[in-house]
Amino acid sequence: MQLDTITVTPDTLIGEVAKLKNDGWRMVTMTCVDVSEEEFQLLYHFDKELAERHLRMNLPKGQAAPSITPTLFMAVLVENEIKDHYGVCFDGLPLDFDGRLYLEDEVKATPFCKYGTVRKQ
């Protein structure tokens, strides 16, 4: 099994996702890692014919990530899930549950963010 990781930036993410899609790669899922008080790491996981490819993007907290949903609609669920659990916002997310895909209104803090964020009223 082949495994490789490509580091991307918010400016290059959409282009890399489009290339993978056009080359026949399938998006498997997406992961968010709370790496420090200042930064998240977003990992986009793809597979094709028993090979895996990952895109890694470091994202400063408070900065929105570009949504890949317009390119790969299946990402709508994982982007909303990451927004619920980590508070990461996605620019251009066409179906935005506004942090309420899984969480109820009374939940005020992001549950998986070790340096949590709190929703303002």
PDB file of N, CA and C in Angstrom:
ATOM      1  N   MET A   1       0.845  -1.183   0.000  1.00  0.00           N
ATOM      2  CA  MET A   1       0.000   0.000   0.000  1.00  0.00           C
ATOM      3  C   MET A   1       0.885   1.240   0.000  1.00  0.00           C
ATOM      4  N   GLN A   2       0.572   2.175  -0.860  1.00  0.00           N
ATOM      5  CA  GLN A   2       1.332   3.415  -0.967  1.00  0.00           C
ATOM      6  C   GLN A   2       0.667   4.483  -0.090  1.00  0.00           C
ATOM      7  N   LEU A   3       1.476   5.256   0.618  1.00  0.00           N
ATOM      8  CA  LEU A   3       0.963   6.330   1.472  1.00  0.00           C
ATOM      9  C   LEU A   3       1.798   7.575   1.228  1.00  0.00           C
ATOM     10  N   ASP A   4       1.150   8.663   0.884  1.00  0.00           N
ATOM     11  CA  ASP A   4       1.905   9.907   0.749  1.00  0.00           C
ATOM     12  C   ASP A   4       1.060  11.083   1.185  1.00  0.00           C
ATOM     13  N   THR A   5       1.742  12.130   1.621  1.00  0.00           N
ATOM     14  CA  THR A   5       1.088  13.327   2.149  1.00  0.00           C
ATOM     15  C   THR A   5       1.620  14.549   1.415  1.00  0.00           C
ATOM     16  N   ILE A   6       0.689  15.412   1.028  1.00  0.00           N
ATOM     17  CA  ILE A   6       1.026  16.661   0.352  1.00  0.00           C
ATOM     18  C   ILE A   6       0.621  17.799   1.278  1.00  0.00           C
ATOM     19  N   THR A   7       1.537  18.705   1.557  1.00  0.00           N
ATOM     20  CA  THR A   7       1.219  19.878   2.371  1.00  0.00           C
ATOM     21  C   THR A   7       0.605  20.941   1.467  1.00  0.00           C
ATOM     22  N   VAL A   8      -0.550  21.461   1.882  1.00  0.00           N
ATOM     23  CA  VAL A   8      -1.249  22.491   1.119  1.00  0.00           C
ATOM     24  C   VAL A   8      -1.480  23.705   2.015  1.00  0.00           C
ATOM     25  N   THR A   9      -1.869  24.783   1.392  1.00  0.00           N
ATOM     26  CA  THR A   9      -2.234  26.012   2.097  1.00  0.00           C
ATOM     27  C   THR A   9      -3.692  26.307   1.764  1.00  0.00           C
ATOM     28  N   PRO A  10      -4.313  27.246   2.468  1.00  0.00           N
ATOM     29  CA  PRO A  10      -5.679  27.616   2.082  1.00  0.00           C
ATOM     30  C   PRO A  10      -5.785  28.063   0.619  1.00  0.00           C
ATOM     31  N   ASP A  11      -4.716  28.645   0.084  1.00  0.00           N
ATOM     32  CA  ASP A  11      -4.736  29.105  -1.310  1.00  0.00           C
ATOM     33  C   ASP A  11      -4.603  27.968  -2.324  1.00  0.00           C
ATOM     34  N   THR A  12      -3.956  26.862  -1.937  1.00  0.00           N
ATOM     35  CA  THR A  12      -3.726  25.764  -2.891  1.00  0.00           C
ATOM     36  C   THR A  12      -4.652  24.565  -2.680  1.00  0.00           C
ATOM     37  N   LEU A  13      -5.419  24.555  -1.588  1.00  0.00           N
ATOM     38  CA  LEU A  13      -6.254  23.396  -1.242  1.00  0.00           C
ATOM     39  C   LEU A  13      -7.237  23.018  -2.349  1.00  0.00           C
ATOM     40  N   ILE A  14      -8.038  23.952  -2.811  1.00  0.00           N
ATOM     41  CA  ILE A  14      -9.094  23.644  -3.789  1.00  0.00           C
ATOM     42  C   ILE A  14      -8.494  23.077  -5.076  1.00  0.00           C
ATOM     43  N   GLY A  15      -7.391  23.652  -5.533  1.00  0.00           N
ATOM     44  CA  GLY A  15      -6.737  23.156  -6.740  1.00  0.00           C
ATOM     45  C   GLY A  15      -6.237  21.726  -6.577  1.00  0.00           C
ATOM     46  N   GLU A  16      -5.658  21.405  -5.425  1.00  0.00           N
ATOM     47  CA  GLU A  16      -5.166  20.046  -5.179  1.00  0.00           C
ATOM     48  C   GLU A  16      -6.330  19.052  -5.085  1.00  0.00           C
ATOM     49  N   VAL A  17      -7.417  19.453  -4.440  1.00  0.00           N
ATOM     50  CA  VAL A  17      -8.596  18.576  -4.341  1.00  0.00           C
ATOM     51  C   VAL A  17      -9.169  18.329  -5.740  1.00  0.00           C
ATOM     52  N   ALA A  18      -9.261  19.361  -6.553  1.00  0.00           N
ATOM     53  CA  ALA A  18      -9.777  19.208  -7.914  1.00  0.00           C
ATOM     54  C   ALA A  18      -8.891  18.268  -8.731  1.00  0.00           C
ATOM     55  N   LYS A  19      -7.559  18.394  -8.577  1.00  0.00           N
ATOM     56  CA  LYS A  19      -6.637  17.502  -9.289  1.00  0.00           C
ATOM     57  C   LYS A  19      -6.855  16.049  -8.887  1.00  0.00           C
ATOM     58  N   LEU A  20      -6.973  15.812  -7.577  1.00  0.00           N
ATOM     59  CA  LEU A  20      -7.194  14.446  -7.102  1.00  0.00           C
ATOM     60  C   LEU A  20      -8.512  13.891  -7.646  1.00  0.00           C
ATOM     61  N   LYS A  21      -9.555  14.694  -7.586  1.00  0.00           N
ATOM     62  CA  LYS A  21     -10.861  14.261  -8.100  1.00  0.00           C
ATOM     63  C   LYS A  21     -10.759  13.920  -9.592  1.00  0.00           C
ATOM     64  N   ASN A  22     -10.132  14.786 -10.358  1.00  0.00           N
ATOM     65  CA  ASN A  22     -10.012  14.567 -11.804  1.00  0.00           C
ATOM     66  C   ASN A  22      -9.139  13.368 -12.149  1.00  0.00           C
ATOM     67  N   ASP A  23      -8.215  13.014 -11.242  1.00  0.00           N
ATOM     68  CA  ASP A  23      -7.344  11.856 -11.460  1.00  0.00           C
ATOM     69  C   ASP A  23      -7.953  10.559 -10.921  1.00  0.00           C
ATOM     70  N   GLY A  24      -9.202  10.618 -10.451  1.00  0.00           N
ATOM     71  CA  GLY A  24      -9.888   9.409 -10.016  1.00  0.00           C
ATOM     72  C   GLY A  24      -9.741   9.046  -8.554  1.00  0.00           C
ATOM     73  N   TRP A  25      -9.196   9.958  -7.740  1.00  0.00           N
ATOM     74  CA  TRP A  25      -9.090   9.695  -6.314  1.00  0.00           C
ATOM     75  C   TRP A  25     -10.443   9.910  -5.653  1.00  0.00           C
ATOM     76  N   ARG A  26     -10.731   9.116  -4.627  1.00  0.00           N
ATOM     77  CA  ARG A  26     -12.000   9.194  -3.884  1.00  0.00           C
ATOM     78  C   ARG A  26     -11.709   9.760  -2.500  1.00  0.00           C
ATOM     79  N   MET A  27     -12.476  10.772  -2.095  1.00  0.00           N
ATOM     80  CA  MET A  27     -12.308  11.296  -0.744  1.00  0.00           C
ATOM     81  C   MET A  27     -12.916  10.316   0.245  1.00  0.00           C
ATOM     82  N   VAL A  28     -12.127   9.942   1.247  1.00  0.00           N
ATOM     83  CA  VAL A  28     -12.582   8.996   2.261  1.00  0.00           C
ATOM     84  C   VAL A  28     -13.178   9.750   3.441  1.00  0.00           C
ATOM     85  N   THR A  29     -12.439  10.678   3.990  1.00  0.00           N
ATOM     86  CA  THR A  29     -12.908  11.494   5.106  1.00  0.00           C
ATOM     87  C   THR A  29     -11.934  12.633   5.330  1.00  0.00           C
ATOM     88  N   MET A  30     -12.148  13.328   6.411  1.00  0.00           N
ATOM     89  CA  MET A  30     -11.329  14.474   6.771  1.00  0.00           C
ATOM     90  C   MET A  30     -11.125  14.429   8.277  1.00  0.00           C
ATOM     91  N   THR A  31      -9.952  14.858   8.746  1.00  0.00           N
ATOM     92  CA  THR A  31      -9.634  14.839  10.168  1.00  0.00           C
ATOM     93  C   THR A  31      -9.165  16.221  10.598  1.00  0.00           C
ATOM     94  N   CYS A  32      -9.518  16.598  11.822  1.00  0.00           N
ATOM     95  CA  CYS A  32      -9.022  17.838  12.400  1.00  0.00           C
ATOM     96  C   CYS A  32      -8.213  17.476  13.643  1.00  0.00           C
ATOM     97  N   VAL A  33      -7.049  18.108  13.777  1.00  0.00           N
ATOM     98  CA  VAL A  33      -6.210  17.904  14.956  1.00  0.00           C
ATOM     99  C   VAL A  33      -5.972  19.271  15.594  1.00  0.00           C
ATOM    100  N   ASP A  34      -6.255  19.362  16.875  1.00  0.00           N
ATOM    101  CA  ASP A  34      -6.024  20.582  17.636  1.00  0.00           C
ATOM    102  C   ASP A  34      -4.575  20.541  18.121  1.00  0.00           C
ATOM    103  N   VAL A  35      -3.660  21.140  17.355  1.00  0.00           N
ATOM    104  CA  VAL A  35      -2.233  20.965  17.636  1.00  0.00           C
ATOM    105  C   VAL A  35      -1.665  21.941  18.665  1.00  0.00           C
ATOM    106  N   SER A  36      -2.271  23.105  18.809  1.00  0.00           N
ATOM    107  CA  SER A  36      -1.769  24.079  19.787  1.00  0.00           C
ATOM    108  C   SER A  36      -2.838  25.127  20.049  1.00  0.00           C
ATOM    109  N   GLU A  37      -2.498  26.068  20.909  1.00  0.00           N
ATOM    110  CA  GLU A  37      -3.444  27.160  21.183  1.00  0.00           C
ATOM    111  C   GLU A  37      -3.650  28.039  19.961  1.00  0.00           C
ATOM    112  N   GLU A  38      -2.717  27.995  19.024  1.00  0.00           N
ATOM    113  CA  GLU A  38      -2.773  28.878  17.855  1.00  0.00           C
ATOM    114  C   GLU A  38      -3.202  28.201  16.573  1.00  0.00           C
ATOM    115  N   GLU A  39      -3.205  26.864  16.524  1.00  0.00           N
ATOM    116  CA  GLU A  39      -3.321  26.222  15.211  1.00  0.00           C
ATOM    117  C   GLU A  39      -4.061  24.885  15.232  1.00  0.00           C
ATOM    118  N   PHE A  40      -4.838  24.675  14.159  1.00  0.00           N
ATOM    119  CA  PHE A  40      -5.421  23.370  13.836  1.00  0.00           C
ATOM    120  C   PHE A  40      -4.647  22.785  12.663  1.00  0.00           C
ATOM    121  N   GLN A  41      -4.729  21.476  12.526  1.00  0.00           N
ATOM    122  CA  GLN A  41      -4.234  20.822  11.323  1.00  0.00           C
ATOM    123  C   GLN A  41      -5.419  20.070  10.722  1.00  0.00           C
ATOM    124  N   LEU A  42      -5.710  20.347   9.461  1.00  0.00           N
ATOM    125  CA  LEU A  42      -6.778  19.650   8.745  1.00  0.00           C
ATOM    126  C   LEU A  42      -6.137  18.653   7.793  1.00  0.00           C
ATOM    127  N   LEU A  43      -6.611  17.415   7.844  1.00  0.00           N
ATOM    128  CA  LEU A  43      -6.095  16.345   6.994  1.00  0.00           C
ATOM    129  C   LEU A  43      -7.240  15.830   6.133  1.00  0.00           C
ATOM    130  N   TYR A  44      -7.000  15.788   4.835  1.00  0.00           N
ATOM    131  CA  TYR A  44      -7.978  15.320   3.860  1.00  0.00           C
ATOM    132  C   TYR A  44      -7.482  13.980   3.341  1.00  0.00           C
ATOM    133  N   HIS A  45      -8.281  12.919   3.483  1.00  0.00           N
ATOM    134  CA  HIS A  45      -7.843  11.560   3.171  1.00  0.00           C
ATOM    135  C   HIS A  45      -8.509  11.060   1.882  1.00  0.00           C
ATOM    136  N   PHE A  46      -7.697  10.568   0.950  1.00  0.00           N
ATOM    137  CA  PHE A  46      -8.163  10.080  -0.349  1.00  0.00           C
ATOM    138  C   PHE A  46      -7.601   8.690  -0.595  1.00  0.00           C
ATOM    139  N   ASP A  47      -8.304   7.902  -1.429  1.00  0.00           N
ATOM    140  CA  ASP A  47      -7.755   6.612  -1.847  1.00  0.00           C
ATOM    141  C   ASP A  47      -8.056   6.356  -3.320  1.00  0.00           C
ATOM    142  N   LYS A  48      -7.201   5.497  -3.896  1.00  0.00           N
ATOM    143  CA  LYS A  48      -7.363   5.086  -5.292  1.00  0.00           C
ATOM    144  C   LYS A  48      -6.562   3.796  -5.472  1.00  0.00           C
ATOM    145  N   GLU A  49      -7.252   2.739  -5.844  1.00  0.00           N
ATOM    146  CA  GLU A  49      -6.602   1.458  -6.155  1.00  0.00           C
ATOM    147  C   GLU A  49      -5.586   1.047  -5.086  1.00  0.00           C
ATOM    148  N   LEU A  50      -6.008   0.992  -3.850  1.00  0.00           N
ATOM    149  CA  LEU A  50      -5.217   0.572  -2.688  1.00  0.00           C
ATOM    150  C   LEU A  50      -4.115   1.543  -2.285  1.00  0.00           C
ATOM    151  N   ALA A  51      -4.046   2.695  -2.914  1.00  0.00           N
ATOM    152  CA  ALA A  51      -3.095   3.732  -2.505  1.00  0.00           C
ATOM    153  C   ALA A  51      -3.857   4.786  -1.707  1.00  0.00           C
ATOM    154  N   GLU A  52      -3.160   5.411  -0.795  1.00  0.00           N
ATOM    155  CA  GLU A  52      -3.744   6.496  -0.009  1.00  0.00           C
ATOM    156  C   GLU A  52      -2.946   7.768  -0.248  1.00  0.00           C
ATOM    157  N   ARG A  53      -3.644   8.868  -0.292  1.00  0.00           N
ATOM    158  CA  ARG A  53      -2.991  10.170  -0.408  1.00  0.00           C
ATOM    159  C   ARG A  53      -3.691  11.099   0.569  1.00  0.00           C
ATOM    160  N   HIS A  54      -2.900  11.920   1.224  1.00  0.00           N
ATOM    161  CA  HIS A  54      -3.437  12.822   2.234  1.00  0.00           C
ATOM    162  C   HIS A  54      -2.980  14.237   1.939  1.00  0.00           C
ATOM    163  N   LEU A  55      -3.885  15.175   2.136  1.00  0.00           N
ATOM    164  CA  LEU A  55      -3.529  16.585   2.063  1.00  0.00           C
ATOM    165  C   LEU A  55      -3.493  17.110   3.490  1.00  0.00           C
ATOM    166  N   ARG A  56      -2.438  17.810   3.839  1.00  0.00           N
ATOM    167  CA  ARG A  56      -2.276  18.352   5.197  1.00  0.00           C
ATOM    168  C   ARG A  56      -2.229  19.864   5.111  1.00  0.00           C
ATOM    169  N   MET A  57      -3.092  20.515   5.907  1.00  0.00           N
ATOM    170  CA  MET A  57      -3.120  21.971   5.912  1.00  0.00           C
ATOM    171  C   MET A  57      -3.090  22.477   7.345  1.00  0.00           C
ATOM    172  N   ASN A  58      -2.134  23.337   7.658  1.00  0.00           N
ATOM    173  CA  ASN A  58      -2.104  24.007   8.954  1.00  0.00           C
ATOM    174  C   ASN A  58      -2.959  25.259   8.845  1.00  0.00           C
ATOM    175  N   LEU A  59      -3.816  25.456   9.851  1.00  0.00           N
ATOM    176  CA  LEU A  59      -4.761  26.570   9.812  1.00  0.00           C
ATOM    177  C   LEU A  59      -4.720  27.308  11.139  1.00  0.00           C
ATOM    178  N   PRO A  60      -4.357  28.605  11.129  1.00  0.00           N
ATOM    179  CA  PRO A  60      -4.394  29.367  12.372  1.00  0.00           C
ATOM    180  C   PRO A  60      -5.821  29.409  12.931  1.00  0.00           C
ATOM    181  N   LYS A  61      -5.932  29.277  14.239  1.00  0.00           N
ATOM    182  CA  LYS A  61      -7.257  29.355  14.863  1.00  0.00           C
ATOM    183  C   LYS A  61      -7.842  30.732  14.611  1.00  0.00           C
ATOM    184  N   GLY A  62      -9.122  30.762  14.336  1.00  0.00           N
ATOM    185  CA  GLY A  62      -9.804  32.012  14.028  1.00  0.00           C
ATOM    186  C   GLY A  62      -9.850  32.311  12.538  1.00  0.00           C
ATOM    187  N   GLN A  63      -9.066  31.601  11.743  1.00  0.00           N
ATOM    188  CA  GLN A  63      -9.101  31.771  10.285  1.00  0.00           C
ATOM    189  C   GLN A  63      -9.999  30.696   9.690  1.00  0.00           C
ATOM    190  N   ALA A  64     -10.829  31.064   8.745  1.00  0.00           N
ATOM    191  CA  ALA A  64     -11.706  30.097   8.076  1.00  0.00           C
ATOM    192  C   ALA A  64     -10.915  29.322   7.028  1.00  0.00           C
ATOM    193  N   ALA A  65     -11.272  28.060   6.873  1.00  0.00           N
ATOM    194  CA  ALA A  65     -10.691  27.218   5.826  1.00  0.00           C
ATOM    195  C   ALA A  65     -11.591  27.295   4.596  1.00  0.00           C
ATOM    196  N   PRO A  66     -11.037  27.168   3.413  1.00  0.00           N
ATOM    197  CA  PRO A  66     -11.901  27.116   2.233  1.00  0.00           C
ATOM    198  C   PRO A  66     -12.677  25.792   2.220  1.00  0.00           C
ATOM    199  N   SER A  67     -13.946  25.867   1.901  1.00  0.00           N
ATOM    200  CA  SER A  67     -14.765  24.651   1.810  1.00  0.00           C
ATOM    201  C   SER A  67     -14.450  23.919   0.506  1.00  0.00           C
ATOM    202  N   ILE A  68     -14.285  22.599   0.612  1.00  0.00           N
ATOM    203  CA  ILE A  68     -14.105  21.794  -0.599  1.00  0.00           C
ATOM    204  C   ILE A  68     -15.427  21.206  -1.066  1.00  0.00           C
ATOM    205  N   THR A  69     -16.515  21.495  -0.349  1.00  0.00           N
ATOM    206  CA  THR A  69     -17.830  20.952  -0.708  1.00  0.00           C
ATOM    207  C   THR A  69     -18.259  21.317  -2.128  1.00  0.00           C
ATOM    208  N   PRO A  70     -18.004  22.543  -2.624  1.00  0.00           N
ATOM    209  CA  PRO A  70     -18.376  22.814  -4.017  1.00  0.00           C
ATOM    210  C   PRO A  70     -17.663  21.899  -5.024  1.00  0.00           C
ATOM    211  N   THR A  71     -16.494  21.372  -4.651  1.00  0.00           N
ATOM    212  CA  THR A  71     -15.749  20.457  -5.525  1.00  0.00           C
ATOM    213  C   THR A  71     -16.140  19.009  -5.270  1.00  0.00           C
ATOM    214  N   LEU A  72     -16.273  18.647  -4.003  1.00  0.00           N
ATOM    215  CA  LEU A  72     -16.657  17.286  -3.590  1.00  0.00           C
ATOM    216  C   LEU A  72     -17.794  17.403  -2.577  1.00  0.00           C
ATOM    217  N   PHE A  73     -19.030  17.220  -3.029  1.00  0.00           N
ATOM    218  CA  PHE A  73     -20.170  17.484  -2.153  1.00  0.00           C
ATOM    219  C   PHE A  73     -20.183  16.608  -0.909  1.00  0.00           C
ATOM    220  N   MET A  74     -19.566  15.423  -0.974  1.00  0.00           N
ATOM    221  CA  MET A  74     -19.567  14.557   0.212  1.00  0.00           C
ATOM    222  C   MET A  74     -18.895  15.219   1.412  1.00  0.00           C
ATOM    223  N   ALA A  75     -18.083  16.217   1.179  1.00  0.00           N
ATOM    224  CA  ALA A  75     -17.386  16.900   2.271  1.00  0.00           C
ATOM    225  C   ALA A  75     -18.322  17.740   3.135  1.00  0.00           C
ATOM    226  N   VAL A  76     -19.551  17.951   2.690  1.00  0.00           N
ATOM    227  CA  VAL A  76     -20.490  18.779   3.452  1.00  0.00           C
ATOM    228  C   VAL A  76     -20.682  18.241   4.872  1.00  0.00           C
ATOM    229  N   LEU A  77     -20.738  16.942   5.026  1.00  0.00           N
ATOM    230  CA  LEU A  77     -20.953  16.377   6.361  1.00  0.00           C
ATOM    231  C   LEU A  77     -19.715  16.509   7.245  1.00  0.00           C
ATOM    232  N   VAL A  78     -18.544  16.174   6.718  1.00  0.00           N
ATOM    233  CA  VAL A  78     -17.346  16.246   7.566  1.00  0.00           C
ATOM    234  C   VAL A  78     -16.962  17.690   7.876  1.00  0.00           C
ATOM    235  N   GLU A  79     -17.192  18.610   6.959  1.00  0.00           N
ATOM    236  CA  GLU A  79     -16.905  20.012   7.266  1.00  0.00           C
ATOM    237  C   GLU A  79     -17.844  20.520   8.353  1.00  0.00           C
ATOM    238  N   ASN A  80     -19.122  20.166   8.286  1.00  0.00           N
ATOM    239  CA  ASN A  80     -20.054  20.559   9.342  1.00  0.00           C
ATOM    240  C   ASN A  80     -19.723  19.883  10.672  1.00  0.00           C
ATOM    241  N   GLU A  81     -19.302  18.633  10.620  1.00  0.00           N
ATOM    242  CA  GLU A  81     -18.922  17.922  11.844  1.00  0.00           C
ATOM    243  C   GLU A  81     -17.711  18.591  12.507  1.00  0.00           C
ATOM    244  N   ILE A  82     -16.716  18.959  11.709  1.00  0.00           N
ATOM    245  CA  ILE A  82     -15.531  19.631  12.249  1.00  0.00           C
ATOM    246  C   ILE A  82     -15.908  20.997  12.806  1.00  0.00           C
ATOM    247  N   LYS A  83     -16.832  21.669  12.159  1.00  0.00           N
ATOM    248  CA  LYS A  83     -17.307  22.952  12.686  1.00  0.00           C
ATOM    249  C   LYS A  83     -17.980  22.746  14.044  1.00  0.00           C
ATOM    250  N   ASP A  84     -18.819  21.711  14.164  1.00  0.00           N
ATOM    251  CA  ASP A  84     -19.469  21.390  15.440  1.00  0.00           C
ATOM    252  C   ASP A  84     -18.452  21.117  16.543  1.00  0.00           C
ATOM    253  N   HIS A  85     -17.510  20.245  16.265  1.00  0.00           N
ATOM    254  CA  HIS A  85     -16.643  19.709  17.311  1.00  0.00           C
ATOM    255  C   HIS A  85     -15.399  20.536  17.603  1.00  0.00           C
ATOM    256  N   TYR A  86     -14.942  21.324  16.621  1.00  0.00           N
ATOM    257  CA  TYR A  86     -13.716  22.093  16.817  1.00  0.00           C
ATOM    258  C   TYR A  86     -13.905  23.601  16.647  1.00  0.00           C
ATOM    259  N   GLY A  87     -15.019  24.021  16.082  1.00  0.00           N
ATOM    260  CA  GLY A  87     -15.251  25.446  15.871  1.00  0.00           C
ATOM    261  C   GLY A  87     -14.585  26.013  14.640  1.00  0.00           C
ATOM    262  N   VAL A  88     -14.071  25.158  13.758  1.00  0.00           N
ATOM    263  CA  VAL A  88     -13.442  25.620  12.513  1.00  0.00           C
ATOM    264  C   VAL A  88     -14.543  26.039  11.539  1.00  0.00           C
ATOM    265  N   CYS A  89     -14.436  27.232  10.986  1.00  0.00           N
ATOM    266  CA  CYS A  89     -15.408  27.703   9.996  1.00  0.00           C
ATOM    267  C   CYS A  89     -14.858  27.444   8.593  1.00  0.00           C
ATOM    268  N   PHE A  90     -15.781  27.257   7.639  1.00  0.00           N
ATOM    269  CA  PHE A  90     -15.411  26.969   6.255  1.00  0.00           C
ATOM    270  C   PHE A  90     -16.046  28.000   5.331  1.00  0.00           C
ATOM    271  N   ASP A  91     -15.208  28.736   4.612  1.00  0.00           N
ATOM    272  CA  ASP A  91     -15.691  29.723   3.636  1.00  0.00           C
ATOM    273  C   ASP A  91     -16.291  29.006   2.436  1.00  0.00           C
ATOM    274  N   GLY A  92     -17.497  29.413   2.037  1.00  0.00           N
ATOM    275  CA  GLY A  92     -18.121  28.848   0.848  1.00  0.00           C
ATOM    276  C   GLY A  92     -18.839  27.539   1.081  1.00  0.00           C
ATOM    277  N   LEU A  93     -19.097  27.180   2.327  1.00  0.00           N
ATOM    278  CA  LEU A  93     -19.815  25.941   2.642  1.00  0.00           C
ATOM    279  C   LEU A  93     -21.279  26.124   2.237  1.00  0.00           C
ATOM    280  N   PRO A  94     -21.752  25.418   1.190  1.00  0.00           N
ATOM    281  CA  PRO A  94     -23.092  25.682   0.668  1.00  0.00           C
ATOM    282  C   PRO A  94     -24.237  25.232   1.576  1.00  0.00           C
ATOM    283  N   LEU A  95     -24.012  24.240   2.411  1.00  0.00           N
ATOM    284  CA  LEU A  95     -25.043  23.761   3.340  1.00  0.00           C
ATOM    285  C   LEU A  95     -24.434  23.791   4.727  1.00  0.00           C
ATOM    286  N   ASP A  96     -24.614  24.915   5.423  1.00  0.00           N
ATOM    287  CA  ASP A  96     -23.969  25.159   6.706  1.00  0.00           C
ATOM    288  C   ASP A  96     -24.991  24.984   7.827  1.00  0.00           C
ATOM    289  N   PHE A  97     -24.753  23.992   8.687  1.00  0.00           N
ATOM    290  CA  PHE A  97     -25.641  23.744   9.823  1.00  0.00           C
ATOM    291  C   PHE A  97     -25.320  24.667  10.994  1.00  0.00           C
ATOM    292  N   ASP A  98     -24.364  25.564  10.814  1.00  0.00           N
ATOM    293  CA  ASP A  98     -23.990  26.582  11.799  1.00  0.00           C
ATOM    294  C   ASP A  98     -23.688  25.989  13.174  1.00  0.00           C
ATOM    295  N   GLY A  99     -22.909  24.896  13.172  1.00  0.00           N
ATOM    296  CA  GLY A  99     -22.512  24.283  14.431  1.00  0.00           C
ATOM    297  C   GLY A  99     -23.590  23.443  15.082  1.00  0.00           C
ATOM    298  N   ARG A 100     -24.618  23.074  14.336  1.00  0.00           N
ATOM    299  CA  ARG A 100     -25.747  22.325  14.902  1.00  0.00           C
ATOM    300  C   ARG A 100     -26.035  21.017  14.153  1.00  0.00           C
ATOM    301  N   LEU A 101     -25.049  20.468  13.459  1.00  0.00           N
ATOM    302  CA  LEU A 101     -25.260  19.187  12.785  1.00  0.00           C
ATOM    303  C   LEU A 101     -25.509  18.100  13.821  1.00  0.00           C
ATOM    304  N   TYR A 102     -24.643  18.027  14.835  1.00  0.00           N
ATOM    305  CA  TYR A 102     -24.777  17.031  15.904  1.00  0.00           C
ATOM    306  C   TYR A 102     -25.135  17.644  17.242  1.00  0.00           C
ATOM    307  N   LEU A 103     -24.730  18.877  17.474  1.00  0.00           N
ATOM    308  CA  LEU A 103     -24.864  19.483  18.788  1.00  0.00           C
ATOM    309  C   LEU A 103     -26.180  20.223  18.943  1.00  0.00           C
ATOM    310  N   GLU A 104     -26.691  20.208  20.135  1.00  0.00           N
ATOM    311  CA  GLU A 104     -27.941  20.905  20.459  1.00  0.00           C
ATOM    312  C   GLU A 104     -27.632  22.356  20.819  1.00  0.00           C
ATOM    313  N   ASP A 105     -28.665  23.183  20.818  1.00  0.00           N
ATOM    314  CA  ASP A 105     -28.492  24.609  21.095  1.00  0.00           C
ATOM    315  C   ASP A 105     -27.847  24.898  22.443  1.00  0.00           C
ATOM    316  N   GLU A 106     -28.122  24.064  23.453  1.00  0.00           N
ATOM    317  CA  GLU A 106     -27.579  24.358  24.780  1.00  0.00           C
ATOM    318  C   GLU A 106     -26.081  24.063  24.912  1.00  0.00           C
ATOM    319  N   VAL A 107     -25.489  23.380  23.940  1.00  0.00           N
ATOM    320  CA  VAL A 107     -24.045  23.119  23.974  1.00  0.00           C
ATOM    321  C   VAL A 107     -23.341  24.399  23.532  1.00  0.00           C
ATOM    322  N   LYS A 108     -22.531  24.956  24.432  1.00  0.00           N
ATOM    323  CA  LYS A 108     -21.889  26.250  24.162  1.00  0.00           C
ATOM    324  C   LYS A 108     -20.417  26.131  23.806  1.00  0.00           C
ATOM    325  N   ALA A 109     -19.763  25.018  24.165  1.00  0.00           N
ATOM    326  CA  ALA A 109     -18.331  24.864  23.899  1.00  0.00           C
ATOM    327  C   ALA A 109     -18.107  23.757  22.874  1.00  0.00           C
ATOM    328  N   THR A 110     -17.018  23.871  22.125  1.00  0.00           N
ATOM    329  CA  THR A 110     -16.667  22.832  21.150  1.00  0.00           C
ATOM    330  C   THR A 110     -16.062  21.650  21.897  1.00  0.00           C
ATOM    331  N   PRO A 111     -16.680  20.464  21.813  1.00  0.00           N
ATOM    332  CA  PRO A 111     -16.291  19.359  22.687  1.00  0.00           C
ATOM    333  C   PRO A 111     -14.920  18.735  22.437  1.00  0.00           C
ATOM    334  N   PHE A 112     -14.385  18.769  21.213  1.00  0.00           N
ATOM    335  CA  PHE A 112     -13.117  18.101  20.941  1.00  0.00           C
ATOM    336  C   PHE A 112     -11.942  19.057  20.844  1.00  0.00           C
ATOM    337  N   CYS A 113     -12.171  20.300  21.085  1.00  0.00           N
ATOM    338  CA  CYS A 113     -11.123  21.310  20.989  1.00  0.00           C
ATOM    339  C   CYS A 113     -10.478  21.450  22.367  1.00  0.00           C
ATOM    340  N   LYS A 114      -9.222  21.015  22.507  1.00  0.00           N
ATOM    341  CA  LYS A 114      -8.612  21.039  23.838  1.00  0.00           C
ATOM    342  C   LYS A 114      -8.386  22.459  24.340  1.00  0.00           C
ATOM    343  N   TYR A 115      -8.246  23.393  23.427  1.00  0.00           N
ATOM    344  CA  TYR A 115      -8.188  24.799  23.799  1.00  0.00           C
ATOM    345  C   TYR A 115      -9.499  25.408  23.337  1.00  0.00           C
ATOM    346  N   GLY A 116     -10.592  25.010  23.956  1.00  0.00           N
ATOM    347  CA  GLY A 116     -11.951  25.226  23.491  1.00  0.00           C
ATOM    348  C   GLY A 116     -12.323  26.642  23.113  1.00  0.00           C
ATOM    349  N   THR A 117     -13.297  26.697  22.249  1.00  0.00           N
ATOM    350  CA  THR A 117     -13.920  27.960  21.897  1.00  0.00           C
ATOM    351  C   THR A 117     -15.338  27.933  22.434  1.00  0.00           C
ATOM    352  N   VAL A 118     -15.872  29.085  22.742  1.00  0.00           N
ATOM    353  CA  VAL A 118     -17.221  29.187  23.291  1.00  0.00           C
ATOM    354  C   VAL A 118     -18.049  30.017  22.338  1.00  0.00           C
ATOM    355  N   ARG A 119     -19.254  29.541  22.063  1.00  0.00           N
ATOM    356  CA  ARG A 119     -20.161  30.278  21.174  1.00  0.00           C
ATOM    357  C   ARG A 119     -20.683  31.522  21.863  1.00  0.00           C
ATOM    358  N   LYS A 120     -20.722  32.607  21.129  1.00  0.00           N
ATOM    359  CA  LYS A 120     -21.292  33.853  21.646  1.00  0.00           C
ATOM    360  C   LYS A 120     -22.741  33.945  21.238  1.00  0.00           C
ATOM    361  N   GLN A 121     -23.528  34.573  22.073  1.00  0.00           N
ATOM    362  CA  GLN A 121     -24.953  34.754  21.769  1.00  0.00           C
ATOM    363  C   GLN A 121     -25.162  35.902  20.832  1.00  0.00           C
TER     364      GLN A 121
END
